[in-house]
Amino acid sequence: GDELFAYITGRQRLAGILIARSMAQTAPSLSIFEHEGRFPVILQSEPSIILSDDSWIPIERHITNLRLFRGLRNRKNWHHAIRNSPKELARADREYLSSLILAAKDLPLLCSGG
């Protein structure tokens, strides 16, 4: 199946890579958005790489390196590009995001003292 990047909306962080195992379907009754539309899109998936929550990657730090965000009228609204319907990313973006996830996967966990 296709690779999907796991994005945590409320935290604006990238959390891993999933493998799609079904066709996408819409489920408007499950929408977290205020407007009607084709959201959310749901599908079955399985984890490929899942980062611990303290290793999640803040996307905002990387928007200047991703083609997905080029041409935005207002950089402050970068998150709208992610929340829109799923789309295929440019190869350079896929490679860049994958490299970030692979690097974060190998980071040691930070523990608070106690």
N, C-alpha and C. Protein backbone atom coordinates (compact mmCIF):
# COMPACT_ATOMS: atom_id res chain seq x y z
N GLY A 1 0.80 -1.19 0.00
CA GLY A 1 0.00 0.00 0.00
C GLY A 1 0.85 1.26 0.00
N ASP A 2 0.17 2.34 -0.17
CA ASP A 2 0.81 3.66 -0.14
C ASP A 2 1.30 3.98 1.26
N GLU A 3 2.36 4.78 1.32
CA GLU A 3 2.84 5.27 2.60
C GLU A 3 2.10 6.57 2.94
N LEU A 4 1.71 6.68 4.20
CA LEU A 4 1.03 7.87 4.69
C LEU A 4 1.85 8.45 5.84
N PHE A 5 1.92 9.75 5.90
CA PHE A 5 2.59 10.40 7.02
C PHE A 5 1.55 10.68 8.09
N ALA A 6 1.82 10.25 9.31
CA ALA A 6 0.90 10.46 10.43
C ALA A 6 1.14 11.85 11.00
N TYR A 7 0.13 12.68 10.90
CA TYR A 7 0.19 14.07 11.38
C TYR A 7 -0.81 14.24 12.51
N ILE A 8 -0.37 14.75 13.63
CA ILE A 8 -1.23 14.97 14.79
C ILE A 8 -1.71 16.41 14.75
N THR A 9 -2.97 16.59 14.38
CA THR A 9 -3.52 17.92 14.13
C THR A 9 -3.42 18.84 15.34
N GLY A 10 -3.85 18.40 16.50
CA GLY A 10 -3.87 19.25 17.68
C GLY A 10 -2.48 19.67 18.15
N ARG A 11 -1.47 18.91 17.80
CA ARG A 11 -0.10 19.22 18.22
C ARG A 11 0.75 19.77 17.08
N GLN A 12 0.24 19.71 15.84
CA GLN A 12 0.95 20.17 14.65
C GLN A 12 2.31 19.49 14.53
N ARG A 13 2.28 18.18 14.71
CA ARG A 13 3.51 17.37 14.70
C ARG A 13 3.35 16.17 13.78
N LEU A 14 4.46 15.77 13.20
CA LEU A 14 4.55 14.55 12.41
C LEU A 14 4.92 13.41 13.36
N ALA A 15 4.17 12.31 13.31
CA ALA A 15 4.33 11.26 14.31
C ALA A 15 4.80 9.92 13.74
N GLY A 16 4.92 9.80 12.43
CA GLY A 16 5.39 8.53 11.89
C GLY A 16 4.92 8.29 10.48
N ILE A 17 5.08 7.03 10.06
CA ILE A 17 4.69 6.60 8.72
C ILE A 17 3.79 5.38 8.87
N LEU A 18 2.69 5.40 8.13
CA LEU A 18 1.74 4.30 8.10
C LEU A 18 1.68 3.72 6.69
N ILE A 19 1.27 2.47 6.59
CA ILE A 19 1.06 1.83 5.29
C ILE A 19 -0.44 1.63 5.10
N ALA A 20 -0.97 2.16 4.01
CA ALA A 20 -2.40 2.01 3.71
C ALA A 20 -2.70 0.56 3.38
N ARG A 21 -3.81 0.04 3.95
CA ARG A 21 -4.22 -1.34 3.71
C ARG A 21 -5.64 -1.45 3.20
N SER A 22 -6.26 -0.32 2.84
CA SER A 22 -7.60 -0.32 2.26
C SER A 22 -7.75 0.90 1.38
N MET A 23 -8.83 0.94 0.65
CA MET A 23 -9.14 2.12 -0.15
C MET A 23 -9.70 3.20 0.78
N ALA A 24 -9.48 4.44 0.42
CA ALA A 24 -9.98 5.55 1.22
C ALA A 24 -11.49 5.67 1.07
N GLN A 25 -12.13 6.04 2.18
CA GLN A 25 -13.57 6.29 2.20
C GLN A 25 -13.80 7.55 3.00
N THR A 26 -14.92 8.21 2.75
CA THR A 26 -15.26 9.37 3.56
C THR A 26 -16.26 8.96 4.63
N ALA A 27 -16.20 9.64 5.75
CA ALA A 27 -17.11 9.39 6.87
C ALA A 27 -17.50 10.73 7.49
N PRO A 28 -18.36 11.50 6.80
CA PRO A 28 -18.72 12.84 7.29
C PRO A 28 -19.25 12.85 8.72
N SER A 29 -19.87 11.77 9.17
CA SER A 29 -20.42 11.75 10.53
C SER A 29 -19.31 11.78 11.59
N LEU A 30 -18.08 11.49 11.21
CA LEU A 30 -16.96 11.49 12.15
C LEU A 30 -16.15 12.78 12.10
N SER A 31 -16.62 13.76 11.35
CA SER A 31 -15.85 14.98 11.13
C SER A 31 -15.61 15.77 12.41
N ILE A 32 -14.39 16.29 12.54
CA ILE A 32 -14.05 17.19 13.64
C ILE A 32 -14.15 18.65 13.19
N PHE A 33 -14.48 18.86 11.91
CA PHE A 33 -14.54 20.19 11.35
C PHE A 33 -15.96 20.72 11.41
N GLU A 34 -16.11 22.02 11.45
CA GLU A 34 -17.43 22.64 11.58
C GLU A 34 -18.23 22.63 10.29
N HIS A 35 -17.58 22.56 9.15
CA HIS A 35 -18.28 22.64 7.88
C HIS A 35 -18.52 21.24 7.30
N GLU A 36 -19.52 21.15 6.47
CA GLU A 36 -19.79 19.89 5.77
C GLU A 36 -18.75 19.72 4.67
N GLY A 37 -18.48 18.52 4.32
CA GLY A 37 -17.51 18.29 3.25
C GLY A 37 -17.17 16.83 3.12
N ARG A 38 -16.03 16.58 2.54
CA ARG A 38 -15.60 15.21 2.29
C ARG A 38 -14.66 14.74 3.38
N PHE A 39 -14.87 15.16 4.59
CA PHE A 39 -13.98 14.82 5.69
C PHE A 39 -14.73 14.05 6.75
N PRO A 40 -14.10 13.25 7.52
CA PRO A 40 -12.71 12.85 7.30
C PRO A 40 -12.62 11.73 6.27
N VAL A 41 -11.44 11.58 5.75
CA VAL A 41 -11.14 10.44 4.89
C VAL A 41 -10.55 9.38 5.82
N ILE A 42 -11.10 8.19 5.76
CA ILE A 42 -10.61 7.12 6.63
C ILE A 42 -10.15 5.95 5.79
N LEU A 43 -9.23 5.19 6.32
CA LEU A 43 -8.78 3.96 5.68
C LEU A 43 -8.08 3.10 6.71
N GLN A 44 -7.98 1.84 6.41
CA GLN A 44 -7.24 0.95 7.29
C GLN A 44 -5.76 1.11 7.00
N SER A 45 -4.97 1.07 8.05
CA SER A 45 -3.53 1.21 7.89
C SER A 45 -2.83 0.39 8.95
N GLU A 46 -1.54 0.23 8.76
CA GLU A 46 -0.71 -0.40 9.78
C GLU A 46 0.56 0.43 9.95
N PRO A 47 1.12 0.43 11.15
CA PRO A 47 2.30 1.25 11.37
C PRO A 47 3.53 0.71 10.65
N SER A 48 4.31 1.62 10.12
CA SER A 48 5.62 1.30 9.58
C SER A 48 6.67 1.81 10.57
N ILE A 49 6.59 3.11 10.87
CA ILE A 49 7.44 3.73 11.89
C ILE A 49 6.53 4.65 12.71
N ILE A 50 6.49 4.45 14.01
CA ILE A 50 5.73 5.32 14.89
C ILE A 50 6.70 5.89 15.92
N LEU A 51 6.75 7.20 15.99
CA LEU A 51 7.63 7.87 16.94
C LEU A 51 6.97 7.98 18.30
N SER A 52 7.77 7.95 19.35
CA SER A 52 7.23 8.23 20.68
C SER A 52 6.82 9.70 20.69
N ASP A 53 5.84 10.04 21.50
CA ASP A 53 5.31 11.41 21.43
C ASP A 53 6.35 12.48 21.76
N ASP A 54 7.39 12.15 22.50
CA ASP A 54 8.42 13.16 22.76
C ASP A 54 9.39 13.30 21.59
N SER A 55 9.22 12.47 20.56
CA SER A 55 10.06 12.56 19.36
C SER A 55 9.29 13.10 18.15
N TRP A 56 8.01 13.43 18.34
CA TRP A 56 7.23 13.96 17.23
C TRP A 56 7.91 15.20 16.65
N ILE A 57 7.75 15.39 15.37
CA ILE A 57 8.48 16.44 14.64
C ILE A 57 7.56 17.64 14.39
N PRO A 58 7.92 18.82 14.91
CA PRO A 58 7.11 20.02 14.64
C PRO A 58 7.25 20.44 13.18
N ILE A 59 6.16 20.32 12.44
CA ILE A 59 6.18 20.61 11.00
C ILE A 59 6.53 22.07 10.71
N GLU A 60 6.08 22.98 11.54
CA GLU A 60 6.29 24.40 11.26
C GLU A 60 7.77 24.74 11.08
N ARG A 61 8.64 24.02 11.76
CA ARG A 61 10.09 24.25 11.63
C ARG A 61 10.62 23.88 10.25
N HIS A 62 9.85 23.14 9.49
CA HIS A 62 10.33 22.59 8.23
C HIS A 62 9.57 23.08 7.00
N ILE A 63 8.63 24.00 7.16
CA ILE A 63 7.81 24.38 6.02
C ILE A 63 8.60 25.02 4.89
N THR A 64 9.70 25.69 5.19
CA THR A 64 10.49 26.31 4.12
C THR A 64 11.23 25.26 3.29
N ASN A 65 11.34 24.02 3.80
CA ASN A 65 12.03 22.96 3.07
C ASN A 65 11.09 22.05 2.29
N LEU A 66 9.80 22.32 2.34
CA LEU A 66 8.82 21.43 1.71
C LEU A 66 8.07 22.13 0.58
N ARG A 67 8.00 21.48 -0.56
CA ARG A 67 7.29 22.04 -1.71
C ARG A 67 5.80 22.22 -1.44
N LEU A 68 5.26 21.36 -0.58
CA LEU A 68 3.84 21.42 -0.24
C LEU A 68 3.41 22.82 0.17
N PHE A 69 4.31 23.58 0.80
CA PHE A 69 3.96 24.88 1.35
C PHE A 69 4.38 26.05 0.47
N ARG A 70 5.00 25.78 -0.65
CA ARG A 70 5.40 26.87 -1.55
C ARG A 70 4.18 27.50 -2.19
N GLY A 71 4.22 28.77 -2.33
CA GLY A 71 3.12 29.48 -2.99
C GLY A 71 1.96 29.82 -2.07
N LEU A 72 2.09 29.60 -0.78
CA LEU A 72 1.02 29.99 0.13
C LEU A 72 0.92 31.50 0.18
N ARG A 73 -0.30 32.02 0.16
CA ARG A 73 -0.48 33.46 0.23
C ARG A 73 -0.10 34.00 1.60
N ASN A 74 -0.38 33.20 2.63
CA ASN A 74 -0.10 33.63 3.99
C ASN A 74 0.58 32.47 4.72
N ARG A 75 1.85 32.61 5.01
CA ARG A 75 2.62 31.54 5.67
C ARG A 75 2.05 31.16 7.04
N LYS A 76 1.32 32.08 7.67
CA LYS A 76 0.74 31.77 8.97
C LYS A 76 -0.34 30.69 8.86
N ASN A 77 -0.86 30.49 7.67
CA ASN A 77 -1.92 29.49 7.46
C ASN A 77 -1.37 28.20 6.84
N TRP A 78 -0.12 27.88 7.11
CA TRP A 78 0.52 26.70 6.53
C TRP A 78 -0.24 25.42 6.85
N HIS A 79 -0.86 25.34 8.02
CA HIS A 79 -1.54 24.12 8.44
C HIS A 79 -2.72 23.75 7.55
N HIS A 80 -3.29 24.71 6.82
CA HIS A 80 -4.41 24.39 5.92
C HIS A 80 -3.97 23.46 4.79
N ALA A 81 -2.72 23.56 4.38
CA ALA A 81 -2.21 22.68 3.31
C ALA A 81 -2.19 21.22 3.76
N ILE A 82 -2.04 20.99 5.05
CA ILE A 82 -2.02 19.62 5.58
C ILE A 82 -3.42 19.11 5.84
N ARG A 83 -4.30 19.97 6.31
CA ARG A 83 -5.64 19.54 6.68
C ARG A 83 -6.55 19.33 5.48
N ASN A 84 -6.18 19.77 4.32
CA ASN A 84 -7.00 19.56 3.13
C ASN A 84 -7.01 18.08 2.76
N SER A 85 -7.74 17.74 1.72
CA SER A 85 -7.84 16.35 1.30
C SER A 85 -6.46 15.74 1.10
N PRO A 86 -6.33 14.46 1.39
CA PRO A 86 -5.03 13.80 1.18
C PRO A 86 -4.57 13.96 -0.27
N LYS A 87 -3.30 14.14 -0.42
CA LYS A 87 -2.75 14.31 -1.76
C LYS A 87 -1.37 13.68 -1.82
N GLU A 88 -0.95 13.38 -3.02
CA GLU A 88 0.40 12.82 -3.19
C GLU A 88 1.42 13.94 -3.05
N LEU A 89 2.42 13.68 -2.24
CA LEU A 89 3.48 14.66 -2.04
C LEU A 89 4.55 14.52 -3.13
N ALA A 90 5.24 15.60 -3.40
CA ALA A 90 6.37 15.55 -4.32
C ALA A 90 7.43 14.60 -3.75
N ARG A 91 8.15 13.95 -4.62
CA ARG A 91 9.18 12.99 -4.19
C ARG A 91 10.16 13.62 -3.20
N ALA A 92 10.56 14.86 -3.47
CA ALA A 92 11.50 15.54 -2.57
C ALA A 92 10.91 15.70 -1.17
N ASP A 93 9.61 16.02 -1.10
CA ASP A 93 8.96 16.16 0.21
C ASP A 93 8.88 14.81 0.92
N ARG A 94 8.53 13.76 0.19
CA ARG A 94 8.47 12.42 0.80
C ARG A 94 9.83 12.01 1.34
N GLU A 95 10.86 12.25 0.57
CA GLU A 95 12.21 11.88 1.01
C GLU A 95 12.64 12.71 2.22
N TYR A 96 12.34 13.99 2.19
CA TYR A 96 12.71 14.87 3.30
C TYR A 96 12.00 14.45 4.59
N LEU A 97 10.68 14.26 4.51
CA LEU A 97 9.92 13.86 5.70
C LEU A 97 10.34 12.49 6.21
N SER A 98 10.59 11.57 5.29
CA SER A 98 11.05 10.24 5.70
C SER A 98 12.38 10.33 6.42
N SER A 99 13.28 11.17 5.93
CA SER A 99 14.59 11.30 6.58
C SER A 99 14.45 11.89 7.98
N LEU A 100 13.51 12.84 8.16
CA LEU A 100 13.27 13.40 9.49
C LEU A 100 12.76 12.32 10.45
N ILE A 101 11.84 11.51 9.97
CA ILE A 101 11.27 10.46 10.81
C ILE A 101 12.31 9.41 11.15
N LEU A 102 13.10 9.01 10.17
CA LEU A 102 14.14 8.01 10.43
C LEU A 102 15.16 8.53 11.44
N ALA A 103 15.52 9.80 11.33
CA ALA A 103 16.48 10.38 12.28
C ALA A 103 15.87 10.46 13.68
N ALA A 104 14.60 10.85 13.77
CA ALA A 104 13.93 10.97 15.08
C ALA A 104 13.71 9.61 15.72
N LYS A 105 13.54 8.60 14.89
CA LYS A 105 13.32 7.24 15.40
C LYS A 105 14.52 6.76 16.21
N ASP A 106 15.69 7.19 15.82
CA ASP A 106 16.92 6.72 16.46
C ASP A 106 17.39 7.60 17.61
N LEU A 107 16.65 8.67 17.92
CA LEU A 107 17.04 9.54 19.03
C LEU A 107 16.76 8.85 20.35
N PRO A 108 17.66 9.04 21.33
CA PRO A 108 17.37 8.47 22.66
C PRO A 108 16.19 9.20 23.30
N LEU A 109 15.41 8.49 24.07
CA LEU A 109 14.29 9.11 24.76
C LEU A 109 14.81 9.99 25.89
N LEU A 110 14.20 11.15 26.04
CA LEU A 110 14.57 12.06 27.12
C LEU A 110 13.66 11.80 28.31
N CYS A 111 14.24 11.55 29.44
CA CYS A 111 13.47 11.28 30.65
C CYS A 111 13.69 12.40 31.64
N SER A 112 12.63 12.80 32.32
CA SER A 112 12.81 13.82 33.35
C SER A 112 13.35 13.15 34.61
N GLY A 113 14.16 13.87 35.31
CA GLY A 113 14.75 13.34 36.53
C GLY A 113 13.71 13.15 37.62
N GLY A 114 14.05 12.37 38.63
CA GLY A 114 13.08 12.18 39.69
C GLY A 114 13.56 11.30 40.79
